[in-house]
Amino acid sequence: MLQSKSPTIPPYVVMVTVLLGTLTVSLNNSALNPAIPEFMTIFGTGPLLASWIVAGFMMAMGLTMPLTGYLSARYGKRRIYLIGLALFICGSLAGALAGDIYGVLAARVLQGVAGGLIIPLSLPLIFAAYGKEKRGRITGIWGTAVMLAPAIGPFIGGVVLELSSWPVLFVMNIPVGLAAFGIAATALPKTGDGLQNNLPFDGTGFVLATLAIGTTMLWLNLAPQGILPDVMLWLLPVIAALSLGAFILVEMRGQNPLLSPALFTHSTYRTSIIIVTVQSVGMFVTVVLVPLLMHTILGLNAIWTGSALVCTAIFASISVNLGGRWLDWQGPRPTILSGLIITCFATLALGFCDGQTSLPALFGLMALRGVGLGLSYIPATTAGLNGIPENLLTQATAMNNISRRVVSSAGIVAASAYLEWHRQGTPANPAQTLEAISQVFWVTGGMIACLLPVASRLPSKAFRQIATGGAA
């Protein structure tokens, strides 16, 4: 633990360092969303190219994440984290100075690579500073920032665009990034960190992982836009599936896998991945459905829509602290089951909303979803990672992030495709739209309900009880 290696550095300083890095990445990505129309106007580009301001970042981050386990084992978590922060600062500076859309895209790709190094290392760095019996409470604090950033980012981006111009969206990252870099360079211990200087690189695994993740994300980004030729519409998922299958075989047989299949031999981790991926689908599908419900059915403007989403984020950020403390005290099973039951109820209830639903009722359901997410989402991640050996933590965090992002993107595509299919052949009307929205909410709620027997297999003991041999 860091306390023993660097006794003069309190663990909370490590926490602050990681929070600054995570917030910088998360806020910047969500704050740029409102600026896409601005980029289209200023650079005279179409929506397809402009959409890669977000998609390019996500793809670069997804392709980088599998490398973090190898890089941190080879060169150390501290060094790779600092490199990630430095790259993000450079990407922010490049974005602010960009003279055309291609310069902006290049800057975003650089930021995505940086994010792919920073995000998977965040929890391993925190976990190195705190024992397992305290990690629920600490990740609750970290989760507050993670839950709030995507919700307040668009608001910050909108305010910046109203008061200034788009380069400020990149410039504002630089002082925060420099502060994070300075604190990290001082606070994170200069240790060998279990370095494996002669660790061979799994080149075959990396190529196959790149093919699998890259083609999947490319297909998920382009297929909904209707611009892919028919042959590519089917060829890309086939390539992705074959690459994934080959990757699994190579990793199972390799001595130094890029992402170790041994991760899934740990039952709590395996269960946590299932829970967080399904909950991620629910989160992002709700982000698509609620604005449609409020605008098309209830006739409300974007301010009310944004307020409903922020309501969920606020309650999630509050309850994730309670969930973290409960995880430390009661163990994973009661904590996560409670959150899943609440999330399931709220999601199914949203499917019964119609044009007569009152705003207090809708906001109450969104707040309830936030409470459920706070009790189940981050606690499930923490419980899963607590069961992983320290030397595999970075790989496990990367796998968690990749799974969540890819599966949630697939969920959004599936939900959007169903909504589009539902209105084909007949003129769109609010009743049809409401029917489709309700059905997607019910299917999503059903998926969450299926998690209940899965979560019931989680340990019922808290880690402090396991350590002391206490009863469940």
Protein backbone atom coordinates (compact mmCIF):
# COMPACT_ATOMS: atom_id res chain seq x y z
CA MET A 1 0.00 0.00 0.00
CA LEU A 2 1.10 3.54 -0.65
CA GLN A 3 1.13 4.41 3.00
CA SER A 4 4.07 2.18 3.65
CA LYS A 5 5.99 3.23 0.57
CA SER A 6 5.42 6.93 0.92
CA PRO A 7 4.42 7.67 4.53
CA THR A 8 4.61 11.45 4.12
CA ILE A 9 1.93 11.44 1.41
CA PRO A 10 -1.60 11.04 2.84
CA PRO A 11 -3.82 8.73 0.79
CA TYR A 12 -6.39 11.49 0.23
CA VAL A 13 -3.79 13.39 -1.83
CA VAL A 14 -3.66 10.42 -4.20
CA MET A 15 -7.45 10.57 -4.31
CA VAL A 16 -7.41 14.26 -5.24
CA THR A 17 -4.82 13.61 -7.94
CA VAL A 18 -6.90 10.86 -9.54
CA LEU A 19 -10.11 12.90 -9.25
CA LEU A 20 -8.54 15.83 -11.09
CA GLY A 21 -7.39 13.58 -13.93
CA THR A 22 -10.70 11.75 -14.21
CA LEU A 23 -12.75 14.95 -14.07
CA THR A 24 -10.61 16.62 -16.72
CA VAL A 25 -11.25 13.79 -19.18
CA SER A 26 -14.95 13.29 -18.38
CA LEU A 27 -15.91 16.96 -18.30
CA ASN A 28 -14.10 17.80 -21.51
CA ASN A 29 -15.75 15.01 -23.45
CA SER A 30 -19.29 15.88 -22.37
CA ALA A 31 -18.73 19.67 -22.58
CA LEU A 32 -17.88 19.39 -26.28
CA ASN A 33 -21.25 17.83 -27.20
CA PRO A 34 -23.13 21.18 -27.41
CA ALA A 35 -20.31 22.59 -29.56
CA ILE A 36 -20.79 20.23 -32.51
CA PRO A 37 -23.24 22.58 -34.31
CA GLU A 38 -20.74 25.40 -33.72
CA PHE A 39 -17.94 23.41 -35.36
CA MET A 40 -20.22 22.65 -38.32
CA THR A 41 -20.95 26.33 -38.81
CA ILE A 42 -17.42 27.65 -38.32
CA PHE A 43 -15.64 25.04 -40.44
CA GLY A 44 -18.44 24.52 -42.96
CA THR A 45 -18.56 20.77 -42.44
CA GLY A 46 -21.41 18.27 -42.38
CA PRO A 47 -22.80 16.38 -39.42
CA LEU A 48 -20.98 13.14 -40.31
CA LEU A 49 -17.48 14.63 -40.09
CA ALA A 50 -18.43 16.73 -37.07
CA SER A 51 -19.74 13.67 -35.23
CA TRP A 52 -16.19 12.30 -35.19
CA ILE A 53 -15.28 15.00 -32.68
CA VAL A 54 -16.93 12.69 -30.16
CA ALA A 55 -16.62 9.37 -32.02
CA GLY A 56 -12.88 9.84 -32.72
CA PHE A 57 -12.23 10.44 -29.03
CA MET A 58 -14.22 7.38 -27.99
CA MET A 59 -12.56 5.12 -30.56
CA ALA A 60 -9.03 6.27 -29.68
CA MET A 61 -9.75 5.74 -25.99
CA GLY A 62 -11.25 2.29 -26.59
CA LEU A 63 -8.26 1.18 -28.66
CA THR A 64 -5.76 2.44 -26.08
CA MET A 65 -7.35 0.90 -22.99
CA PRO A 66 -6.21 -2.70 -23.65
CA LEU A 67 -2.60 -1.47 -23.55
CA THR A 68 -2.71 0.00 -20.05
CA GLY A 69 -2.21 -3.32 -18.26
CA TYR A 70 0.95 -4.09 -20.21
CA LEU A 71 2.30 -0.53 -20.08
CA SER A 72 1.75 -0.16 -16.33
CA ALA A 73 3.40 -3.54 -15.64
CA ARG A 74 6.33 -2.64 -17.92
CA TYR A 75 6.88 1.01 -16.98
CA GLY A 76 4.84 1.61 -13.81
CA LYS A 77 1.42 3.10 -13.08
CA ARG A 78 2.84 6.47 -12.03
CA ARG A 79 4.81 6.97 -15.23
CA ILE A 80 1.95 5.94 -17.53
CA TYR A 81 -0.53 8.10 -15.62
CA LEU A 82 1.75 11.12 -15.94
CA ILE A 83 2.22 10.42 -19.66
CA GLY A 84 -1.56 10.26 -20.03
CA LEU A 85 -1.99 13.63 -18.31
CA ALA A 86 0.78 15.17 -20.44
CA LEU A 87 -0.83 13.87 -23.64
CA PHE A 88 -4.20 15.25 -22.59
CA ILE A 89 -2.70 18.68 -21.94
CA CYS A 90 -0.97 18.58 -25.35
CA GLY A 91 -4.22 17.50 -27.02
CA SER A 92 -6.07 20.37 -25.34
CA LEU A 93 -3.46 22.87 -26.51
CA ALA A 94 -3.57 21.44 -30.04
CA GLY A 95 -7.36 21.69 -30.06
CA ALA A 96 -7.34 25.30 -28.94
CA LEU A 97 -4.88 26.19 -31.72
CA ALA A 98 -6.55 24.12 -34.46
CA GLY A 99 -7.26 26.04 -37.65
CA ASP A 100 -9.61 23.56 -39.30
CA ILE A 101 -11.85 20.63 -38.51
CA TYR A 102 -9.07 18.12 -39.17
CA GLY A 103 -6.88 19.81 -36.56
CA VAL A 104 -9.73 19.54 -34.06
CA LEU A 105 -10.21 15.86 -34.91
CA ALA A 106 -6.48 15.14 -34.51
CA ALA A 107 -6.52 16.88 -31.11
CA ARG A 108 -9.52 14.83 -30.04
CA VAL A 109 -7.83 11.59 -31.06
CA LEU A 110 -4.79 12.58 -28.98
CA GLN A 111 -7.09 13.33 -26.04
CA GLY A 112 -8.74 9.94 -26.54
CA VAL A 113 -5.38 8.16 -26.38
CA ALA A 114 -4.65 10.08 -23.17
CA GLY A 115 -8.06 9.16 -21.74
CA GLY A 116 -7.37 5.51 -22.55
CA LEU A 117 -4.30 5.70 -20.30
CA ILE A 118 -5.82 7.80 -17.51
CA ILE A 119 -9.23 6.20 -16.93
CA PRO A 120 -8.16 2.54 -16.47
CA LEU A 121 -5.42 3.60 -14.04
CA SER A 122 -7.69 5.72 -11.85
CA LEU A 123 -9.13 2.99 -9.63
CA PRO A 124 -5.89 0.92 -9.40
CA LEU A 125 -4.09 4.03 -8.13
CA ILE A 126 -6.83 4.67 -5.57
CA PHE A 127 -6.94 1.02 -4.53
CA ALA A 128 -3.18 1.04 -3.96
CA ALA A 129 -3.70 3.78 -1.36
CA TYR A 130 -6.64 2.23 0.51
CA GLY A 131 -7.34 -1.22 1.92
CA LYS A 132 -10.26 -3.30 0.65
CA GLU A 133 -12.31 -2.56 3.77
CA LYS A 134 -12.32 1.19 2.90
CA ARG A 135 -12.65 1.07 -0.88
CA GLY A 136 -16.45 1.29 -0.97
CA ARG A 137 -16.45 4.65 0.81
CA ILE A 138 -13.53 5.98 -1.25
CA THR A 139 -14.94 4.90 -4.60
CA GLY A 140 -18.20 6.48 -3.48
CA ILE A 141 -16.40 9.82 -3.40
CA TRP A 142 -14.77 9.07 -6.76
CA GLY A 143 -18.14 7.94 -8.13
CA THR A 144 -19.74 11.24 -7.20
CA ALA A 145 -17.49 13.00 -9.68
CA VAL A 146 -17.92 10.27 -12.29
CA MET A 147 -21.72 10.46 -12.06
CA LEU A 148 -21.94 14.26 -12.10
CA ALA A 149 -19.41 15.06 -14.83
CA PRO A 150 -21.41 13.75 -17.83
CA ALA A 151 -24.50 15.63 -16.61
CA ILE A 152 -22.94 19.03 -15.91
CA GLY A 153 -20.48 18.90 -18.82
CA PRO A 154 -23.03 19.93 -21.50
CA PHE A 155 -24.21 22.77 -19.24
CA ILE A 156 -20.64 24.02 -18.84
CA GLY A 157 -20.08 23.69 -22.59
CA GLY A 158 -23.24 25.66 -23.32
CA VAL A 159 -22.25 28.45 -20.93
CA VAL A 160 -18.74 28.66 -22.42
CA LEU A 161 -20.14 28.89 -25.95
CA GLU A 162 -22.60 31.56 -24.86
CA LEU A 163 -19.99 33.72 -23.15
CA SER A 164 -16.92 32.96 -25.25
CA SER A 165 -15.89 30.72 -28.18
CA TRP A 166 -15.14 27.04 -28.85
CA PRO A 167 -11.31 27.18 -28.27
CA VAL A 168 -12.05 27.92 -24.60
CA LEU A 169 -13.52 24.41 -24.33
CA PHE A 170 -10.00 23.12 -24.92
CA VAL A 171 -8.13 25.87 -23.04
CA MET A 172 -10.08 25.28 -19.81
CA ASN A 173 -8.55 21.79 -19.56
CA ILE A 174 -5.00 23.07 -19.47
CA PRO A 175 -4.81 24.63 -15.95
CA VAL A 176 -6.71 21.68 -14.43
CA GLY A 177 -4.49 19.22 -16.30
CA LEU A 178 -1.33 21.04 -15.19
CA ALA A 179 -2.56 20.99 -11.58
CA ALA A 180 -3.28 17.26 -11.83
CA PHE A 181 0.14 16.63 -13.38
CA GLY A 182 1.93 18.65 -10.70
CA ILE A 183 0.16 16.92 -7.82
CA ALA A 184 0.60 13.48 -9.42
CA ALA A 185 4.33 14.05 -9.97
CA THR A 186 4.65 14.94 -6.29
CA ALA A 187 2.12 12.62 -4.63
CA LEU A 188 2.41 9.35 -6.51
CA PRO A 189 5.33 7.34 -5.12
CA LYS A 190 8.46 6.81 -7.19
CA THR A 191 8.63 3.08 -6.72
CA GLY A 192 9.52 0.16 -8.91
CA ASP A 193 5.78 -0.67 -8.85
CA GLY A 194 6.55 -4.31 -9.59
CA LEU A 195 8.04 -3.45 -12.97
CA GLN A 196 8.61 -6.30 -15.40
CA ASN A 197 11.31 -4.85 -17.61
CA ASN A 198 11.57 -7.93 -19.83
CA LEU A 199 7.80 -8.45 -20.18
CA PRO A 200 7.15 -9.42 -23.84
CA PHE A 201 4.46 -7.51 -25.72
CA ASP A 202 1.45 -9.48 -26.93
CA GLY A 203 1.51 -8.07 -30.46
CA THR A 204 -0.90 -10.63 -31.90
CA GLY A 205 -3.39 -9.97 -29.12
CA PHE A 206 -3.10 -6.22 -29.64
CA VAL A 207 -3.76 -6.47 -33.39
CA LEU A 208 -6.78 -8.71 -32.84
CA ALA A 209 -8.11 -6.50 -30.02
CA THR A 210 -7.69 -3.43 -32.24
CA LEU A 211 -9.58 -5.13 -35.07
CA ALA A 212 -12.37 -6.31 -32.77
CA ILE A 213 -12.85 -3.01 -30.91
CA GLY A 214 -12.17 -0.76 -33.91
CA THR A 215 -14.57 -2.48 -36.32
CA THR A 216 -17.25 -2.74 -33.62
CA MET A 217 -17.09 0.95 -32.73
CA LEU A 218 -16.86 1.96 -36.39
CA TRP A 219 -19.96 -0.07 -37.18
CA LEU A 220 -21.86 1.28 -34.16
CA ASN A 221 -21.03 4.86 -35.14
CA LEU A 222 -21.69 4.65 -38.88
CA ALA A 223 -24.49 2.08 -39.22
CA PRO A 224 -27.20 4.31 -37.65
CA GLN A 225 -26.31 7.11 -40.06
CA GLY A 226 -27.23 4.98 -43.08
CA ILE A 227 -24.04 5.74 -45.00
CA LEU A 228 -22.43 2.30 -45.01
CA PRO A 229 -22.69 0.23 -48.21
CA ASP A 230 -24.73 -2.93 -47.71
CA VAL A 231 -21.65 -5.13 -47.90
CA MET A 232 -19.89 -3.15 -45.15
CA LEU A 233 -23.02 -3.16 -43.04
CA TRP A 234 -22.62 -6.93 -42.71
CA LEU A 235 -18.87 -7.28 -43.19
CA LEU A 236 -17.82 -5.08 -40.25
CA PRO A 237 -19.67 -7.08 -37.54
CA VAL A 238 -18.41 -10.33 -39.08
CA ILE A 239 -14.82 -9.05 -38.91
CA ALA A 240 -15.42 -7.90 -35.33
CA ALA A 241 -16.84 -11.28 -34.26
CA LEU A 242 -14.05 -13.28 -35.93
CA SER A 243 -11.39 -10.98 -34.46
CA LEU A 244 -12.92 -11.28 -30.99
CA GLY A 245 -13.02 -15.06 -31.23
CA ALA A 246 -9.41 -15.22 -32.41
CA PHE A 247 -8.40 -12.78 -29.66
CA ILE A 248 -9.97 -14.97 -26.96
CA LEU A 249 -8.17 -18.06 -28.29
CA VAL A 250 -4.81 -16.27 -28.46
CA GLU A 251 -5.19 -14.81 -24.96
CA MET A 252 -6.16 -18.18 -23.48
CA ARG A 253 -3.06 -19.82 -24.93
CA GLY A 254 -0.58 -16.98 -24.41
CA GLN A 255 1.79 -16.73 -21.45
CA ASN A 256 1.62 -12.92 -21.26
CA PRO A 257 -1.86 -11.97 -22.50
CA LEU A 258 -2.81 -8.37 -23.14
CA LEU A 259 -6.11 -8.92 -21.30
CA SER A 260 -5.90 -12.06 -19.19
CA PRO A 261 -8.81 -14.53 -19.49
CA ALA A 262 -7.99 -15.42 -15.88
CA LEU A 263 -9.96 -12.31 -14.91
CA PHE A 264 -13.19 -14.16 -15.58
CA THR A 265 -12.28 -17.05 -13.32
CA HIS A 266 -13.09 -14.69 -10.42
CA SER A 267 -16.83 -15.08 -9.94
CA THR A 268 -17.45 -11.72 -8.24
CA TYR A 269 -15.63 -9.87 -11.02
CA ARG A 270 -17.51 -11.83 -13.68
CA THR A 271 -20.82 -10.99 -12.02
CA SER A 272 -19.88 -7.33 -11.64
CA ILE A 273 -19.11 -7.03 -15.37
CA ILE A 274 -22.55 -8.39 -16.24
CA ILE A 275 -24.21 -5.94 -13.83
CA VAL A 276 -22.36 -2.81 -14.90
CA THR A 277 -22.73 -3.51 -18.63
CA VAL A 278 -26.51 -3.99 -18.37
CA GLN A 279 -26.81 -0.95 -16.11
CA SER A 280 -24.76 1.04 -18.64
CA VAL A 281 -27.20 0.05 -21.37
CA GLY A 282 -30.04 1.26 -19.16
CA MET A 283 -28.31 4.57 -18.44
CA PHE A 284 -27.57 5.44 -22.05
CA VAL A 285 -30.89 4.18 -23.41
CA THR A 286 -32.63 6.39 -20.84
CA VAL A 287 -30.57 9.36 -22.03
CA VAL A 288 -32.02 8.72 -25.52
CA LEU A 289 -35.61 7.97 -24.48
CA VAL A 290 -36.30 10.63 -21.83
CA PRO A 291 -35.64 13.63 -24.11
CA LEU A 292 -37.87 12.01 -26.75
CA LEU A 293 -40.59 11.40 -24.18
CA MET A 294 -40.44 14.92 -22.75
CA HIS A 295 -40.24 16.73 -26.08
CA THR A 296 -42.55 14.64 -28.30
CA ILE A 297 -45.12 13.50 -25.76
CA LEU A 298 -45.08 16.15 -23.04
CA GLY A 299 -44.14 19.09 -25.30
CA LEU A 300 -41.37 20.32 -22.99
CA ASN A 301 -38.23 22.14 -24.08
CA ALA A 302 -34.57 21.16 -23.74
CA ILE A 303 -34.20 22.94 -20.39
CA TRP A 304 -36.68 20.57 -18.76
CA THR A 305 -35.08 17.59 -20.48
CA GLY A 306 -31.64 18.56 -19.25
CA SER A 307 -33.01 19.16 -15.76
CA ALA A 308 -34.47 15.64 -15.64
CA LEU A 309 -31.14 14.09 -16.61
CA VAL A 310 -29.28 16.26 -14.11
CA CYS A 311 -31.79 15.17 -11.46
CA THR A 312 -30.76 11.55 -12.03
CA ALA A 313 -27.08 12.48 -11.86
CA ILE A 314 -27.49 14.44 -8.63
CA PHE A 315 -29.32 11.65 -6.84
CA ALA A 316 -26.87 9.08 -8.19
CA SER A 317 -23.93 11.13 -6.91
CA ILE A 318 -25.54 11.38 -3.48
CA SER A 319 -26.53 7.73 -3.18
CA VAL A 320 -23.21 6.41 -4.51
CA ASN A 321 -21.62 7.66 -1.29
CA LEU A 322 -24.23 5.80 0.73
CA GLY A 323 -23.78 2.75 -1.46
CA GLY A 324 -20.03 2.82 -0.96
CA ARG A 325 -20.33 2.99 2.82
CA TRP A 326 -22.98 0.27 2.80
CA LEU A 327 -20.70 -1.89 0.64
CA ASP A 328 -17.94 -1.57 3.25
CA TRP A 329 -20.34 -2.33 6.08
CA GLN A 330 -22.86 -4.85 4.71
CA GLY A 331 -21.11 -6.37 1.70
CA PRO A 332 -21.91 -6.45 -2.04
CA ARG A 333 -25.10 -8.54 -2.11
CA PRO A 334 -27.55 -6.42 -0.08
CA THR A 335 -26.13 -3.16 -1.43
CA ILE A 336 -26.25 -4.02 -5.11
CA LEU A 337 -29.52 -5.95 -4.94
CA SER A 338 -31.20 -2.91 -3.35
CA GLY A 339 -29.93 -0.66 -6.12
CA LEU A 340 -31.03 -3.05 -8.88
CA ILE A 341 -34.55 -3.40 -7.44
CA ILE A 342 -34.94 0.39 -7.29
CA THR A 343 -33.53 0.89 -10.80
CA CYS A 344 -35.74 -1.86 -12.21
CA PHE A 345 -38.89 -0.39 -10.65
CA ALA A 346 -38.14 3.15 -11.86
CA THR A 347 -37.29 2.00 -15.39
CA LEU A 348 -40.46 -0.10 -15.73
CA ALA A 349 -42.52 2.79 -14.31
CA LEU A 350 -41.08 5.17 -16.91
CA GLY A 351 -42.63 2.88 -19.52
CA PHE A 352 -46.09 3.78 -18.15
CA CYS A 353 -45.58 7.53 -18.54
CA ASP A 354 -47.79 9.29 -21.08
CA GLY A 355 -49.03 12.75 -21.97
CA GLN A 356 -50.88 12.99 -18.65
CA THR A 357 -47.81 12.29 -16.50
CA SER A 358 -46.98 15.20 -14.22
CA LEU A 359 -43.53 16.72 -14.02
CA PRO A 360 -43.13 15.88 -10.30
CA ALA A 361 -43.91 12.23 -11.06
CA LEU A 362 -41.43 12.10 -13.95
CA PHE A 363 -38.71 13.83 -11.96
CA GLY A 364 -39.44 11.51 -9.04
CA LEU A 365 -38.85 8.46 -11.24
CA MET A 366 -35.64 9.97 -12.62
CA ALA A 367 -34.46 10.68 -9.08
CA LEU A 368 -35.34 7.11 -8.08
CA ARG A 369 -33.31 5.78 -11.02
CA GLY A 370 -30.39 7.86 -9.77
CA VAL A 371 -30.68 6.34 -6.29
CA GLY A 372 -30.71 2.84 -7.76
CA LEU A 373 -27.72 3.52 -9.97
CA GLY A 374 -25.77 4.99 -7.07
CA LEU A 375 -26.37 1.88 -4.97
CA SER A 376 -25.52 -0.62 -7.70
CA TYR A 377 -23.28 0.77 -10.45
CA ILE A 378 -20.05 1.92 -8.77
CA PRO A 379 -20.46 -0.55 -5.84
CA ALA A 380 -20.63 -3.42 -8.37
CA THR A 381 -17.42 -2.20 -10.00
CA THR A 382 -15.71 -1.89 -6.61
CA ALA A 383 -16.84 -5.32 -5.46
CA GLY A 384 -15.64 -6.91 -8.68
CA LEU A 385 -12.22 -5.27 -8.57
CA ASN A 386 -11.79 -6.14 -4.89
CA GLY A 387 -11.71 -9.80 -5.87
CA ILE A 388 -8.92 -9.33 -8.44
CA PRO A 389 -5.20 -9.79 -7.62
CA GLU A 390 -3.32 -6.48 -7.49
CA ASN A 391 -1.18 -7.32 -10.53
CA LEU A 392 -4.30 -7.70 -12.71
CA LEU A 393 -6.20 -4.64 -11.46
CA THR A 394 -5.33 -2.39 -14.40
CA GLN A 395 -6.33 -5.05 -16.91
CA ALA A 396 -9.56 -5.64 -14.99
CA THR A 397 -10.39 -1.92 -14.98
CA ALA A 398 -9.68 -1.69 -18.71
CA MET A 399 -11.93 -4.69 -19.39
CA ASN A 400 -14.68 -3.11 -17.29
CA ASN A 401 -14.47 0.16 -19.26
CA ILE A 402 -14.30 -1.48 -22.68
CA SER A 403 -17.25 -3.77 -21.93
CA ARG A 404 -19.40 -0.90 -20.67
CA ARG A 405 -18.66 1.39 -23.60
CA VAL A 406 -19.09 -1.17 -26.37
CA VAL A 407 -22.23 -2.81 -24.96
CA SER A 408 -23.91 0.50 -24.09
CA SER A 409 -23.19 1.81 -27.60
CA ALA A 410 -24.77 -1.34 -29.00
CA GLY A 411 -27.78 -0.77 -26.74
CA ILE A 412 -28.24 2.78 -28.01
CA VAL A 413 -28.04 1.57 -31.63
CA ALA A 414 -30.57 -1.19 -30.95
CA ALA A 415 -33.00 1.17 -29.19
CA SER A 416 -32.68 3.82 -31.91
CA ALA A 417 -33.11 1.22 -34.65
CA TYR A 418 -36.28 -0.08 -32.99
CA LEU A 419 -37.72 3.41 -32.65
CA GLU A 420 -36.95 4.06 -36.32
CA TRP A 421 -38.39 0.71 -37.43
CA HIS A 422 -41.53 1.27 -35.38
CA ARG A 423 -42.46 4.41 -37.29
CA GLN A 424 -41.66 3.12 -40.78
CA GLY A 425 -44.49 2.74 -43.26
CA THR A 426 -46.90 5.11 -41.50
CA PRO A 427 -46.71 8.82 -40.68
CA ALA A 428 -45.09 9.39 -37.32
CA ASN A 429 -47.46 10.43 -34.56
CA PRO A 430 -47.10 10.88 -30.81
CA ALA A 431 -49.11 7.74 -30.00
CA GLN A 432 -46.80 5.54 -32.06
CA THR A 433 -43.74 7.17 -30.59
CA LEU A 434 -45.07 6.74 -27.05
CA GLU A 435 -45.78 3.06 -27.69
CA ALA A 436 -42.23 2.46 -28.93
CA ILE A 437 -40.69 4.41 -26.03
CA SER A 438 -42.74 2.43 -23.50
CA GLN A 439 -41.73 -0.88 -25.03
CA VAL A 440 -38.02 -0.01 -24.95
CA PHE A 441 -38.33 1.06 -21.31
CA TRP A 442 -40.05 -2.23 -20.46
CA VAL A 443 -37.43 -4.31 -22.25
CA THR A 444 -34.67 -2.37 -20.46
CA GLY A 445 -36.40 -2.83 -17.12
CA GLY A 446 -36.75 -6.54 -17.88
CA MET A 447 -33.03 -6.79 -18.56
CA ILE A 448 -32.32 -5.17 -15.20
CA ALA A 449 -34.77 -7.57 -13.51
CA CYS A 450 -32.78 -10.47 -14.96
CA LEU A 451 -29.79 -9.17 -12.99
CA LEU A 452 -31.47 -9.90 -9.65
CA PRO A 453 -30.71 -13.64 -9.56
CA VAL A 454 -27.21 -12.86 -10.85
CA ALA A 455 -26.59 -10.33 -8.07
CA SER A 456 -27.95 -12.74 -5.45
CA ARG A 457 -24.79 -14.80 -6.00
CA LEU A 458 -22.54 -11.96 -4.83
CA PRO A 459 -20.81 -12.29 -1.43
CA SER A 460 -22.97 -11.27 1.51
CA LYS A 461 -20.00 -10.44 3.73
CA ALA A 462 -18.24 -7.11 3.80
CA PHE A 463 -14.48 -7.24 3.24
CA ARG A 464 -13.84 -6.12 6.81
CA GLN A 465 -15.90 -9.13 7.98
CA ILE A 466 -13.98 -11.48 5.71
CA ALA A 467 -10.68 -10.10 7.01
CA THR A 468 -11.73 -10.61 10.65
CA GLY A 469 -13.69 -13.82 10.09
CA GLY A 470 -16.98 -12.15 11.07
CA ALA A 471 -20.37 -13.56 10.29
CA ALA A 472 -22.38 -12.54 7.24
